[in-house]
PDB file of N, CA and C in Angstrom:
ATOM      1  N   MET A   1      87.886  75.292 120.746  1.00  0.00           N
ATOM      2  CA  MET A   1      88.286  75.876 119.482  1.00  0.00           C
ATOM      3  C   MET A   1      87.066  76.096 118.572  1.00  0.00           C
ATOM      4  N   SER A   2      86.169  75.128 118.539  1.00  0.00           N
ATOM      5  CA  SER A   2      85.002  75.272 117.670  1.00  0.00           C
ATOM      6  C   SER A   2      84.075  76.374 118.173  1.00  0.00           C
ATOM      7  N   GLU A   3      84.022  76.589 119.494  1.00  0.00           N
ATOM      8  CA  GLU A   3      83.219  77.693 120.034  1.00  0.00           C
ATOM      9  C   GLU A   3      83.774  79.028 119.570  1.00  0.00           C
ATOM     10  N   ASP A   4      85.085  79.143 119.527  1.00  0.00           N
ATOM     11  CA  ASP A   4      85.736  80.371 119.074  1.00  0.00           C
ATOM     12  C   ASP A   4      85.409  80.638 117.606  1.00  0.00           C
ATOM     13  N   ILE A   5      85.465  79.603 116.795  1.00  0.00           N
ATOM     14  CA  ILE A   5      85.159  79.747 115.365  1.00  0.00           C
ATOM     15  C   ILE A   5      83.691  80.119 115.177  1.00  0.00           C
ATOM     16  N   ASP A   6      82.793  79.480 115.930  1.00  0.00           N
ATOM     17  CA  ASP A   6      81.368  79.815 115.834  1.00  0.00           C
ATOM     18  C   ASP A   6      81.121  81.274 116.206  1.00  0.00           C
ATOM     19  N   HIS A   7      81.772  81.726 117.262  1.00  0.00           N
ATOM     20  CA  HIS A   7      81.610  83.124 117.692  1.00  0.00           C
ATOM     21  C   HIS A   7      82.094  84.084 116.609  1.00  0.00           C
ATOM     22  N   ARG A   8      83.245  83.790 116.009  1.00  0.00           N
ATOM     23  CA  ARG A   8      83.776  84.661 114.959  1.00  0.00           C
ATOM     24  C   ARG A   8      82.898  84.647 113.717  1.00  0.00           C
ATOM     25  N   GLN A   9      82.325  83.487 113.375  1.00  0.00           N
ATOM     26  CA  GLN A   9      81.429  83.412 112.219  1.00  0.00           C
ATOM     27  C   GLN A   9      80.160  84.226 112.451  1.00  0.00           C
ATOM     28  N   ARG A  10      79.593  84.124 113.661  1.00  0.00           N
ATOM     29  CA  ARG A  10      78.393  84.911 113.964  1.00  0.00           C
ATOM     30  C   ARG A  10      78.687  86.402 113.916  1.00  0.00           C
ATOM     31  N   ARG A  11      79.829  86.804 114.478  1.00  0.00           N
ATOM     32  CA  ARG A  11      80.209  88.218 114.467  1.00  0.00           C
ATOM     33  C   ARG A  11      80.403  88.709 113.032  1.00  0.00           C
ATOM     34  N   TYR A  12      80.983  87.887 112.173  1.00  0.00           N
ATOM     35  CA  TYR A  12      81.174  88.250 110.766  1.00  0.00           C
ATOM     36  C   TYR A  12      79.824  88.403 110.064  1.00  0.00           C
ATOM     37  N   LEU A  13      78.913  87.457 110.287  1.00  0.00           N
ATOM     38  CA  LEU A  13      77.609  87.522 109.631  1.00  0.00           C
ATOM     39  C   LEU A  13      76.802  88.734 110.086  1.00  0.00           C
ATOM     40  N   VAL A  14      76.870  89.075 111.368  1.00  0.00           N
ATOM     41  CA  VAL A  14      76.171  90.266 111.855  1.00  0.00           C
ATOM     42  C   VAL A  14      76.753  91.514 111.207  1.00  0.00           C
ATOM     43  N   SER A  15      78.071  91.577 111.143  1.00  0.00           N
ATOM     44  CA  SER A  15      78.723  92.742 110.539  1.00  0.00           C
ATOM     45  C   SER A  15      78.364  92.867 109.060  1.00  0.00           C
ATOM     46  N   MET A  16      78.337  91.760 108.350  1.00  0.00           N
ATOM     47  CA  MET A  16      77.982  91.820 106.938  1.00  0.00           C
ATOM     48  C   MET A  16      76.495  92.138 106.751  1.00  0.00           C
ATOM     49  N   GLY A  17      75.663  91.752 107.692  1.00  0.00           N
ATOM     50  CA  GLY A  17      74.258  92.142 107.648  1.00  0.00           C
ATOM     51  C   GLY A  17      74.096  93.650 107.819  1.00  0.00           C
ATOM     52  N   ILE A  18      74.888  94.219 108.720  1.00  0.00           N
ATOM     53  CA  ILE A  18      74.874  95.677 108.899  1.00  0.00           C
ATOM     54  C   ILE A  18      75.360  96.358 107.631  1.00  0.00           C
ATOM     55  N   ARG A  19      76.371  95.774 107.001  1.00  0.00           N
ATOM     56  CA  ARG A  19      76.881  96.347 105.750  1.00  0.00           C
ATOM     57  C   ARG A  19      75.809  96.348 104.669  1.00  0.00           C
ATOM     58  N   THR A  20      75.083  95.241 104.554  1.00  0.00           N
ATOM     59  CA  THR A  20      74.019  95.149 103.563  1.00  0.00           C
ATOM     60  C   THR A  20      72.927  96.175 103.854  1.00  0.00           C
ATOM     61  N   ALA A  21      72.588  96.338 105.130  1.00  0.00           N
ATOM     62  CA  ALA A  21      71.578  97.327 105.509  1.00  0.00           C
ATOM     63  C   ALA A  21      72.054  98.740 105.161  1.00  0.00           C
ATOM     64  N   CYS A  22      73.321  99.042 105.398  1.00  0.00           N
ATOM     65  CA  CYS A  22      73.869 100.359 105.037  1.00  0.00           C
ATOM     66  C   CYS A  22      73.749 100.600 103.535  1.00  0.00           C
ATOM     67  N   PHE A  23      74.097  99.597 102.765  1.00  0.00           N
ATOM     68  CA  PHE A  23      74.050  99.737 101.307  1.00  0.00           C
ATOM     69  C   PHE A  23      72.619  99.959 100.815  1.00  0.00           C
ATOM     70  N   LEU A  24      71.691  99.146 101.320  1.00  0.00           N
ATOM     71  CA  LEU A  24      70.299  99.269 100.886  1.00  0.00           C
ATOM     72  C   LEU A  24      69.690 100.592 101.342  1.00  0.00           C
ATOM     73  N   LEU A  25      69.993 101.016 102.557  1.00  0.00           N
ATOM     74  CA  LEU A  25      69.500 102.309 103.033  1.00  0.00           C
ATOM     75  C   LEU A  25      70.052 103.447 102.192  1.00  0.00           C
ATOM     76  N   ALA A  26      71.325 103.347 101.815  1.00  0.00           N
ATOM     77  CA  ALA A  26      71.921 104.387 100.965  1.00  0.00           C
ATOM     78  C   ALA A  26      71.191 104.458  99.625  1.00  0.00           C
ATOM     79  N   LEU A  27      70.833 103.297  99.075  1.00  0.00           N
ATOM     80  CA  LEU A  27      70.097 103.289  97.805  1.00  0.00           C
ATOM     81  C   LEU A  27      68.706 103.901  97.944  1.00  0.00           C
ATOM     82  N   PHE A  28      67.998 103.503  98.994  1.00  0.00           N
ATOM     83  CA  PHE A  28      66.628 103.973  99.162  1.00  0.00           C
ATOM     84  C   PHE A  28      66.536 105.439  99.598  1.00  0.00           C
ATOM     85  N   LEU A  29      67.556 105.914 100.322  1.00  0.00           N
ATOM     86  CA  LEU A  29      67.511 107.287 100.825  1.00  0.00           C
ATOM     87  C   LEU A  29      68.111 108.305  99.861  1.00  0.00           C
ATOM     88  N   THR A  30      68.709 107.848  98.770  1.00  0.00           N
ATOM     89  CA  THR A  30      69.286 108.777  97.802  1.00  0.00           C
ATOM     90  C   THR A  30      68.172 109.656  97.237  1.00  0.00           C
ATOM     91  N   GLY A  31      68.334 110.966  97.397  1.00  0.00           N
ATOM     92  CA  GLY A  31      67.343 111.923  96.930  1.00  0.00           C
ATOM     93  C   GLY A  31      66.296 112.275  97.968  1.00  0.00           C
ATOM     94  N   HIS A  32      66.213 111.494  99.071  1.00  0.00           N
ATOM     95  CA  HIS A  32      65.210 111.758 100.098  1.00  0.00           C
ATOM     96  C   HIS A  32      65.838 112.202 101.413  1.00  0.00           C
ATOM     97  N   ALA A  33      67.117 111.976 101.592  1.00  0.00           N
ATOM     98  CA  ALA A  33      67.806 112.320 102.840  1.00  0.00           C
ATOM     99  C   ALA A  33      68.971 113.251 102.499  1.00  0.00           C
ATOM    100  N   PRO A  34      69.499 113.938 103.506  1.00  0.00           N
ATOM    101  CA  PRO A  34      70.674 114.789 103.244  1.00  0.00           C
ATOM    102  C   PRO A  34      71.834 113.968 102.675  1.00  0.00           C
ATOM    103  N   LEU A  35      72.650 114.625 101.894  1.00  0.00           N
ATOM    104  CA  LEU A  35      73.761 113.948 101.221  1.00  0.00           C
ATOM    105  C   LEU A  35      74.749 113.338 102.214  1.00  0.00           C
ATOM    106  N   TRP A  36      74.949 113.999 103.358  1.00  0.00           N
ATOM    107  CA  TRP A  36      75.917 113.469 104.319  1.00  0.00           C
ATOM    108  C   TRP A  36      75.432 112.145 104.915  1.00  0.00           C
ATOM    109  N   VAL A  37      74.124 111.956 105.064  1.00  0.00           N
ATOM    110  CA  VAL A  37      73.592 110.694 105.592  1.00  0.00           C
ATOM    111  C   VAL A  37      73.862 109.566 104.594  1.00  0.00           C
ATOM    112  N   VAL A  38      73.597 109.836 103.328  1.00  0.00           N
ATOM    113  CA  VAL A  38      73.855 108.838 102.292  1.00  0.00           C
ATOM    114  C   VAL A  38      75.350 108.550 102.208  1.00  0.00           C
ATOM    115  N   GLY A  39      76.175 109.588 102.352  1.00  0.00           N
ATOM    116  CA  GLY A  39      77.631 109.410 102.323  1.00  0.00           C
ATOM    117  C   GLY A  39      78.130 108.544 103.464  1.00  0.00           C
ATOM    118  N   VAL A  40      77.600 108.756 104.669  1.00  0.00           N
ATOM    119  CA  VAL A  40      77.998 107.938 105.820  1.00  0.00           C
ATOM    120  C   VAL A  40      77.601 106.484 105.602  1.00  0.00           C
ATOM    121  N   LEU A  41      76.425 106.258 105.058  1.00  0.00           N
ATOM    122  CA  LEU A  41      75.982 104.888 104.793  1.00  0.00           C
ATOM    123  C   LEU A  41      76.859 104.203 103.742  1.00  0.00           C
ATOM    124  N   ILE A  42      77.249 104.948 102.708  1.00  0.00           N
ATOM    125  CA  ILE A  42      78.114 104.369 101.670  1.00  0.00           C
ATOM    126  C   ILE A  42      79.500 104.064 102.233  1.00  0.00           C
ATOM    127  N   VAL A  43      80.031 104.977 103.038  1.00  0.00           N
ATOM    128  CA  VAL A  43      81.345 104.723 103.659  1.00  0.00           C
ATOM    129  C   VAL A  43      81.256 103.502 104.571  1.00  0.00           C
ATOM    130  N   GLY A  44      80.165 103.388 105.323  1.00  0.00           N
ATOM    131  CA  GLY A  44      79.979 102.202 106.161  1.00  0.00           C
ATOM    132  C   GLY A  44      79.926 100.925 105.347  1.00  0.00           C
ATOM    133  N   ALA A  45      79.245 100.982 104.215  1.00  0.00           N
ATOM    134  CA  ALA A  45      79.146  99.794 103.355  1.00  0.00           C
ATOM    135  C   ALA A  45      80.494  99.436 102.732  1.00  0.00           C
ATOM    136  N   LEU A  46      81.350 100.419 102.533  1.00  0.00           N
ATOM    137  CA  LEU A  46      82.669 100.150 101.941  1.00  0.00           C
ATOM    138  C   LEU A  46      83.695  99.700 102.977  1.00  0.00           C
ATOM    139  N   VAL A  47      83.601 100.196 104.194  1.00  0.00           N
ATOM    140  CA  VAL A  47      84.612  99.907 105.220  1.00  0.00           C
ATOM    141  C   VAL A  47      84.299  98.627 105.990  1.00  0.00           C
ATOM    142  N   LEU A  48      83.044  98.332 106.199  1.00  0.00           N
ATOM    143  CA  LEU A  48      82.678  97.177 107.021  1.00  0.00           C
ATOM    144  C   LEU A  48      83.214  95.833 106.525  1.00  0.00           C
ATOM    145  N   PRO A  49      83.311  95.553 105.228  1.00  0.00           N
ATOM    146  CA  PRO A  49      83.886  94.257 104.833  1.00  0.00           C
ATOM    147  C   PRO A  49      85.322  94.068 105.320  1.00  0.00           C
ATOM    148  N   TYR A  50      86.132  95.111 105.214  1.00  0.00           N
ATOM    149  CA  TYR A  50      87.515  95.009 105.680  1.00  0.00           C
ATOM    150  C   TYR A  50      87.558  94.768 107.184  1.00  0.00           C
ATOM    151  N   VAL A  51      86.795  95.540 107.922  1.00  0.00           N
ATOM    152  CA  VAL A  51      86.770  95.403 109.380  1.00  0.00           C
ATOM    153  C   VAL A  51      86.245  94.027 109.772  1.00  0.00           C
ATOM    154  N   SER A  52      85.244  93.550 109.070  1.00  0.00           N
ATOM    155  CA  SER A  52      84.666  92.233 109.372  1.00  0.00           C
ATOM    156  C   SER A  52      85.683  91.124 109.178  1.00  0.00           C
ATOM    157  N   VAL A  53      86.433  91.179 108.105  1.00  0.00           N
ATOM    158  CA  VAL A  53      87.436  90.142 107.838  1.00  0.00           C
ATOM    159  C   VAL A  53      88.555  90.195 108.862  1.00  0.00           C
ATOM    160  N   VAL A  54      88.990  91.386 109.219  1.00  0.00           N
ATOM    161  CA  VAL A  54      90.066  91.509 110.215  1.00  0.00           C
ATOM    162  C   VAL A  54      89.617  90.928 111.545  1.00  0.00           C
ATOM    163  N   PHE A  55      88.398  91.256 111.979  1.00  0.00           N
ATOM    164  CA  PHE A  55      87.914  90.714 113.243  1.00  0.00           C
ATOM    165  C   PHE A  55      87.627  89.221 113.155  1.00  0.00           C
ATOM    166  N   ALA A  56      87.170  88.733 112.022  1.00  0.00           N
ATOM    167  CA  ALA A  56      86.893  87.306 111.887  1.00  0.00           C
ATOM    168  C   ALA A  56      88.176  86.488 111.897  1.00  0.00           C
ATOM    169  N   ASN A  57      89.242  87.014 111.323  1.00  0.00           N
ATOM    170  CA  ASN A  57      90.510  86.285 111.303  1.00  0.00           C
ATOM    171  C   ASN A  57      91.291  86.446 112.592  1.00  0.00           C
ATOM    172  N   GLY A  58      90.980  87.435 113.376  1.00  0.00           N
ATOM    173  CA  GLY A  58      91.689  87.660 114.639  1.00  0.00           C
ATOM    174  C   GLY A  58      91.077  86.834 115.742  1.00  0.00           C
ATOM    175  N   GLY A  59      91.437  85.578 115.797  1.00  0.00           N
ATOM    176  CA  GLY A  59      90.905  84.685 116.825  1.00  0.00           C
ATOM    177  C   GLY A  59      91.625  84.872 118.136  1.00  0.00           C
ATOM    178  N   ARG A  60      91.568  83.876 118.930  1.00  0.00           N
ATOM    179  CA  ARG A  60      92.231  83.946 120.223  1.00  0.00           C
ATOM    180  C   ARG A  60      93.738  83.883 120.042  1.00  0.00           C
ATOM    181  N   GLU A  61      94.435  84.334 121.037  1.00  0.00           N
ATOM    182  CA  GLU A  61      95.894  84.380 120.979  1.00  0.00           C
ATOM    183  C   GLU A  61      96.471  82.964 121.018  1.00  0.00           C
ATOM    184  N   PRO A  62      97.490  82.712 120.201  1.00  0.00           N
ATOM    185  CA  PRO A  62      98.107  81.377 120.232  1.00  0.00           C
ATOM    186  C   PRO A  62      98.800  81.135 121.572  1.00  0.00           C
ATOM    187  N   GLU A  63      98.730  79.897 122.018  1.00  0.00           N
ATOM    188  CA  GLU A  63      99.368  79.551 123.275  1.00  0.00           C
ATOM    189  C   GLU A  63     100.829  79.220 123.025  1.00  0.00           C
ATOM    190  N   SER A  64     101.652  79.611 123.957  1.00  0.00           N
ATOM    191  CA  SER A  64     103.074  79.325 123.845  1.00  0.00           C
ATOM    192  C   SER A  64     103.295  77.833 124.082  1.00  0.00           C
ATOM    193  N   VAL A  65     103.917  77.175 123.125  1.00  0.00           N
ATOM    194  CA  VAL A  65     104.142  75.743 123.224  1.00  0.00           C
ATOM    195  C   VAL A  65     105.534  75.447 123.768  1.00  0.00           C
ATOM    196  N   ALA A  66     106.489  76.259 123.411  1.00  0.00           N
ATOM    197  CA  ALA A  66     107.873  76.000 123.800  1.00  0.00           C
ATOM    198  C   ALA A  66     108.109  76.480 125.228  1.00  0.00           C
ATOM    199  N   HIS A  67     108.550  75.578 126.071  1.00  0.00           N
ATOM    200  CA  HIS A  67     108.923  75.912 127.437  1.00  0.00           C
ATOM    201  C   HIS A  67     110.383  75.517 127.614  1.00  0.00           C
ATOM    202  N   PHE A  68     111.204  76.463 127.984  1.00  0.00           N
ATOM    203  CA  PHE A  68     112.616  76.194 128.135  1.00  0.00           C
ATOM    204  C   PHE A  68     112.942  76.042 129.608  1.00  0.00           C
ATOM    205  N   ASP A  69     113.705  75.018 129.903  1.00  0.00           N
ATOM    206  CA  ASP A  69     114.096  74.744 131.270  1.00  0.00           C
ATOM    207  C   ASP A  69     115.491  75.309 131.484  1.00  0.00           C
ATOM    208  N   GLU A  70     115.632  76.150 132.465  1.00  0.00           N
ATOM    209  CA  GLU A  70     116.923  76.799 132.720  1.00  0.00           C
ATOM    210  C   GLU A  70     117.909  75.886 133.450  1.00  0.00           C
ATOM    211  N   ARG A  71     117.408  74.832 134.043  1.00  0.00           N
ATOM    212  CA  ARG A  71     118.303  73.943 134.779  1.00  0.00           C
ATOM    213  C   ARG A  71     119.168  73.123 133.822  1.00  0.00           C
ATOM    214  N   GLU A  72     120.341  72.810 134.262  1.00  0.00           N
ATOM    215  CA  GLU A  72     121.239  71.976 133.469  1.00  0.00           C
ATOM    216  C   GLU A  72     120.832  70.515 133.599  1.00  0.00           C
ATOM    217  N   SER A  73     120.781  69.837 132.499  1.00  0.00           N
ATOM    218  CA  SER A  73     120.473  68.425 132.506  1.00  0.00           C
ATOM    219  C   SER A  73     121.762  67.638 132.752  1.00  0.00           C
ATOM    220  N   PRO A  74     121.711  66.602 133.578  1.00  0.00           N
ATOM    221  CA  PRO A  74     122.938  65.827 133.835  1.00  0.00           C
ATOM    222  C   PRO A  74     123.419  65.065 132.604  1.00  0.00           C
ATOM    223  N   ASN A  75     122.603  64.875 131.590  1.00  0.00           N
ATOM    224  CA  ASN A  75     122.981  64.125 130.399  1.00  0.00           C
ATOM    225  C   ASN A  75     123.624  65.001 129.332  1.00  0.00           C
ATOM    226  N   ARG A  76     123.732  66.295 129.569  1.00  0.00           N
ATOM    227  CA  ARG A  76     124.294  67.185 128.556  1.00  0.00           C
ATOM    228  C   ARG A  76     125.813  67.220 128.655  1.00  0.00           C
ATOM    229  N   ASN A  77     126.466  67.193 127.511  1.00  0.00           N
ATOM    230  CA  ASN A  77     127.919  67.270 127.470  1.00  0.00           C
ATOM    231  C   ASN A  77     128.341  68.701 127.196  1.00  0.00           C
ATOM    232  N   GLU A  78     129.466  69.078 127.760  1.00  0.00           N
ATOM    233  CA  GLU A  78     130.005  70.408 127.514  1.00  0.00           C
ATOM    234  C   GLU A  78     130.642  70.440 126.122  1.00  0.00           C
ATOM    235  N   ILE A  79     130.637  71.584 125.503  1.00  0.00           N
ATOM    236  CA  ILE A  79     131.287  71.756 124.209  1.00  0.00           C
ATOM    237  C   ILE A  79     132.776  71.911 124.468  1.00  0.00           C
ATOM    238  N   SER A  80     133.566  71.115 123.770  1.00  0.00           N
ATOM    239  CA  SER A  80     135.000  71.179 123.992  1.00  0.00           C
ATOM    240  C   SER A  80     135.699  71.753 122.772  1.00  0.00           C
ATOM    241  N   GLY A  81     136.893  72.228 122.966  1.00  0.00           N
ATOM    242  CA  GLY A  81     137.673  72.758 121.863  1.00  0.00           C
ATOM    243  C   GLY A  81     137.549  74.264 121.762  1.00  0.00           C
ATOM    244  N   ARG A  82     138.373  74.808 120.886  1.00  0.00           N
ATOM    245  CA  ARG A  82     138.373  76.254 120.680  1.00  0.00           C
ATOM    246  C   ARG A  82     137.176  76.661 119.851  1.00  0.00           C
ATOM    247  N   PRO A  83     136.641  77.855 120.092  1.00  0.00           N
ATOM    248  CA  PRO A  83     135.565  78.341 119.249  1.00  0.00           C
ATOM    249  C   PRO A  83     136.097  78.622 117.845  1.00  0.00           C
ATOM    250  N   PRO A  84     135.297  78.423 116.815  1.00  0.00           N
ATOM    251  CA  PRO A  84     135.771  78.663 115.450  1.00  0.00           C
ATOM    252  C   PRO A  84     136.065  80.143 115.232  1.00  0.00           C
ATOM    253  N   GLU A  85     137.121  80.377 114.478  1.00  0.00           N
ATOM    254  CA  GLU A  85     137.502  81.762 114.171  1.00  0.00           C
ATOM    255  C   GLU A  85     136.926  82.142 112.815  1.00  0.00           C
ATOM    256  N   ILE A  86     136.556  83.384 112.713  1.00  0.00           N
ATOM    257  CA  ILE A  86     136.001  83.893 111.463  1.00  0.00           C
ATOM    258  C   ILE A  86     137.146  84.353 110.581  1.00  0.00           C
ATOM    259  N   GLN A  87     137.215  83.811 109.374  1.00  0.00           N
ATOM    260  CA  GLN A  87     138.269  84.161 108.435  1.00  0.00           C
ATOM    261  C   GLN A  87     137.734  85.235 107.484  1.00  0.00           C
ATOM    262  N   SER A  88     138.539  86.207 107.180  1.00  0.00           N
ATOM    263  CA  SER A  88     138.079  87.224 106.228  1.00  0.00           C
ATOM    264  C   SER A  88     138.792  87.103 104.915  1.00  0.00           C
TER     265      SER A  88
END
């Protein structure tokens, strides 16, 4: 479990580092690069935090804990009596 958390933390930090680089590049390239390049960097800086959090919170799949046995247990009693009727 701790290995999974460490992996997700590293992936989050790398993603946020890329986000910071996008933001800083957008600042430094404003006026020196085409507008679409600066726009892509700004969109990357805005979208990456959301994507980073989603991937960081999406850990491994939970394991199924409940196992149902289809066999009848000899200690179980049958339900007796009439089923309850629904009154309107």
